[in-house]
Amino acid sequence: MKPEIENKIFAVIDTNVLVSALIATKVESYPLMVVAYVFTGVITPVFNNEILAEYQEVLSRSKFNLNQQDIEQTMSFFKSVGVNVQRTEITDEVFPDSKDIVFYEVKLSKSDSYLVTGNKKHFPQKPFVITPKEMVEICIALKNS
């Protein structure tokens, strides 16, 4: 039996973070570091089928010029290590872009998770809505504790 990892970090990763990671040219890129933490098991991604479909659709856009095999491997890995949850519907928050609501609602379904986004202004100001840099700082603090 595998022991449970204490202080496991769960995060809903906004599509803009995933795209930024996959097109990053510098290893110091915070979005790339966030995705690297997923691949090393520090962060467990949280999503639902709508988020997975958005990842697939956006990553496949020709303007990003991403290798289809890399997209498939990333998607497959996220599905294999992540947590697929149902949305917790909300009606009391306003979003500039209705496509962002699913990320917020999925985060609410996993209370001990973060929502990592490059566009904090698109979401309600809550302590769990954080930037990739803030997520990296949390991961580093956890590693050093």
Protein backbone atom coordinates (compact mmCIF):
# COMPACT_ATOMS: atom_id res chain seq x y z
CA MET A 1 0.00 0.00 0.00
CA LYS A 2 1.36 3.40 -1.02
CA PRO A 3 1.54 5.93 1.83
CA GLU A 4 -0.44 9.13 1.37
CA ILE A 5 1.70 12.16 0.69
CA GLU A 6 1.11 14.87 3.25
CA ASN A 7 0.73 18.43 2.03
CA LYS A 8 -0.22 17.32 -1.47
CA ILE A 9 -0.92 20.32 -3.69
CA PHE A 10 -4.04 20.22 -5.88
CA ALA A 11 -4.48 22.81 -8.60
CA VAL A 12 -6.88 23.67 -11.38
CA ILE A 13 -4.59 24.93 -14.11
CA ASP A 14 -6.04 27.56 -16.42
CA THR A 15 -5.53 26.91 -20.12
CA ASN A 16 -3.37 30.02 -20.50
CA VAL A 17 -0.85 28.55 -18.03
CA LEU A 18 -0.69 25.25 -19.91
CA VAL A 19 -0.26 26.99 -23.27
CA SER A 20 2.42 29.29 -21.87
CA ALA A 21 4.28 26.29 -20.46
CA LEU A 22 4.22 24.37 -23.73
CA ILE A 23 5.42 27.31 -25.82
CA ALA A 24 7.97 28.52 -23.25
CA THR A 25 11.51 29.01 -24.48
CA LYS A 26 13.07 29.72 -21.07
CA VAL A 27 13.32 27.17 -18.27
CA GLU A 28 12.74 30.01 -15.78
CA SER A 29 9.18 30.38 -17.10
CA TYR A 30 6.78 30.14 -14.15
CA PRO A 31 4.06 28.41 -16.19
CA LEU A 32 6.66 25.85 -17.33
CA MET A 33 7.73 25.34 -13.72
CA VAL A 34 4.10 24.75 -12.70
CA VAL A 35 3.68 22.06 -15.37
CA ALA A 36 7.06 20.57 -14.38
CA TYR A 37 5.73 20.28 -10.82
CA VAL A 38 2.77 18.34 -12.24
CA PHE A 39 5.12 15.98 -14.06
CA THR A 40 7.24 15.45 -10.94
CA GLY A 41 4.20 14.74 -8.74
CA VAL A 42 4.35 17.85 -6.58
CA ILE A 43 1.10 19.23 -8.05
CA THR A 44 -1.93 17.08 -8.79
CA PRO A 45 -4.05 18.64 -11.55
CA VAL A 46 -7.78 19.01 -10.95
CA PHE A 47 -10.13 19.22 -13.92
CA ASN A 48 -13.38 18.03 -15.44
CA ASN A 49 -14.20 16.89 -18.97
CA GLU A 50 -14.99 20.46 -20.11
CA ILE A 51 -11.55 21.64 -19.05
CA LEU A 52 -9.88 18.69 -20.77
CA ALA A 53 -11.82 19.48 -23.96
CA GLU A 54 -10.71 23.12 -23.78
CA TYR A 55 -7.09 22.10 -23.25
CA GLN A 56 -7.29 19.84 -26.30
CA GLU A 57 -8.97 22.45 -28.49
CA VAL A 58 -6.71 25.35 -27.55
CA LEU A 59 -3.44 23.39 -27.60
CA SER A 60 -4.33 22.08 -31.07
CA ARG A 61 -4.65 25.56 -32.56
CA SER A 62 -2.23 26.00 -35.43
CA LYS A 63 -1.02 29.39 -34.14
CA PHE A 64 0.77 27.63 -31.26
CA ASN A 65 2.52 25.21 -33.60
CA LEU A 66 2.62 22.47 -30.97
CA ASN A 67 3.50 18.89 -31.81
CA GLN A 68 0.35 16.74 -31.67
CA GLN A 69 2.25 13.93 -29.96
CA ASP A 70 3.39 16.33 -27.21
CA ILE A 71 -0.21 17.48 -26.74
CA GLU A 72 -1.45 13.89 -26.51
CA GLN A 73 1.28 12.92 -24.04
CA THR A 74 0.55 15.94 -21.85
CA MET A 75 -3.19 15.29 -21.92
CA SER A 76 -2.70 11.60 -21.19
CA PHE A 77 -0.41 12.34 -18.27
CA PHE A 78 -2.79 14.89 -16.77
CA LYS A 79 -5.66 12.38 -17.04
CA SER A 80 -3.59 9.61 -15.45
CA VAL A 81 -2.38 11.57 -12.41
CA GLY A 82 -5.14 14.15 -12.02
CA VAL A 83 -8.47 14.31 -10.27
CA ASN A 84 -11.58 14.56 -12.44
CA VAL A 85 -14.38 16.27 -10.48
CA GLN A 86 -17.84 17.64 -11.14
CA ARG A 87 -18.50 21.37 -11.18
CA THR A 88 -19.94 23.14 -8.16
CA GLU A 89 -22.30 25.61 -9.79
CA ILE A 90 -22.19 29.19 -8.61
CA THR A 91 -24.51 32.08 -9.31
CA ASP A 92 -23.14 34.83 -7.09
CA GLU A 93 -19.95 35.76 -8.97
CA VAL A 94 -19.39 37.81 -12.13
CA PHE A 95 -16.86 36.78 -14.79
CA PRO A 96 -15.66 38.91 -17.72
CA ASP A 97 -15.40 35.73 -19.80
CA SER A 98 -18.00 33.01 -19.24
CA LYS A 99 -15.46 30.38 -20.38
CA ASP A 100 -13.56 30.96 -17.12
CA ILE A 101 -16.48 29.93 -14.91
CA VAL A 102 -15.79 26.19 -15.32
CA PHE A 103 -12.26 26.59 -13.90
CA TYR A 104 -13.62 28.42 -10.85
CA GLU A 105 -16.45 25.95 -10.31
CA VAL A 106 -14.11 22.96 -10.62
CA LYS A 107 -11.78 24.56 -8.07
CA LEU A 108 -14.74 24.94 -5.70
CA SER A 109 -15.42 21.21 -6.06
CA LYS A 110 -12.00 20.42 -4.57
CA SER A 111 -11.85 22.71 -1.57
CA ASP A 112 -8.15 22.17 -0.83
CA SER A 113 -7.06 23.20 -4.34
CA TYR A 114 -5.77 26.34 -6.00
CA LEU A 115 -6.76 27.92 -9.29
CA VAL A 116 -3.58 28.84 -11.17
CA THR A 117 -4.03 31.47 -13.86
CA GLY A 118 -2.08 34.07 -15.74
CA ASN A 119 -5.21 36.26 -15.69
CA LYS A 120 -6.18 36.79 -12.05
CA LYS A 121 -8.32 39.77 -13.05
CA HIS A 122 -10.67 37.36 -14.87
CA PHE A 123 -11.61 35.71 -11.57
CA PRO A 124 -13.04 36.83 -8.24
CA GLN A 125 -10.31 38.01 -5.87
CA LYS A 126 -9.91 35.01 -3.61
CA PRO A 127 -6.79 33.68 -1.84
CA PHE A 128 -6.97 30.44 -3.83
CA VAL A 129 -6.79 32.23 -7.22
CA ILE A 130 -3.05 32.54 -7.77
CA THR A 131 -0.48 33.22 -10.47
CA PRO A 132 2.03 30.66 -11.73
CA LYS A 133 4.74 32.52 -9.77
CA GLU A 134 2.72 32.22 -6.56
CA MET A 135 2.19 28.50 -7.24
CA VAL A 136 5.93 27.98 -7.71
CA GLU A 137 6.59 29.81 -4.43
CA ILE A 138 4.11 27.51 -2.64
CA CYS A 139 5.81 24.44 -4.15
CA ILE A 140 9.26 25.67 -3.11
CA ALA A 141 8.04 26.40 0.42
CA LEU A 142 6.54 22.91 0.64
CA LYS A 143 9.79 21.33 -0.55
CA ASN A 144 11.74 23.29 2.05
CA SER A 145 9.41 22.50 4.95
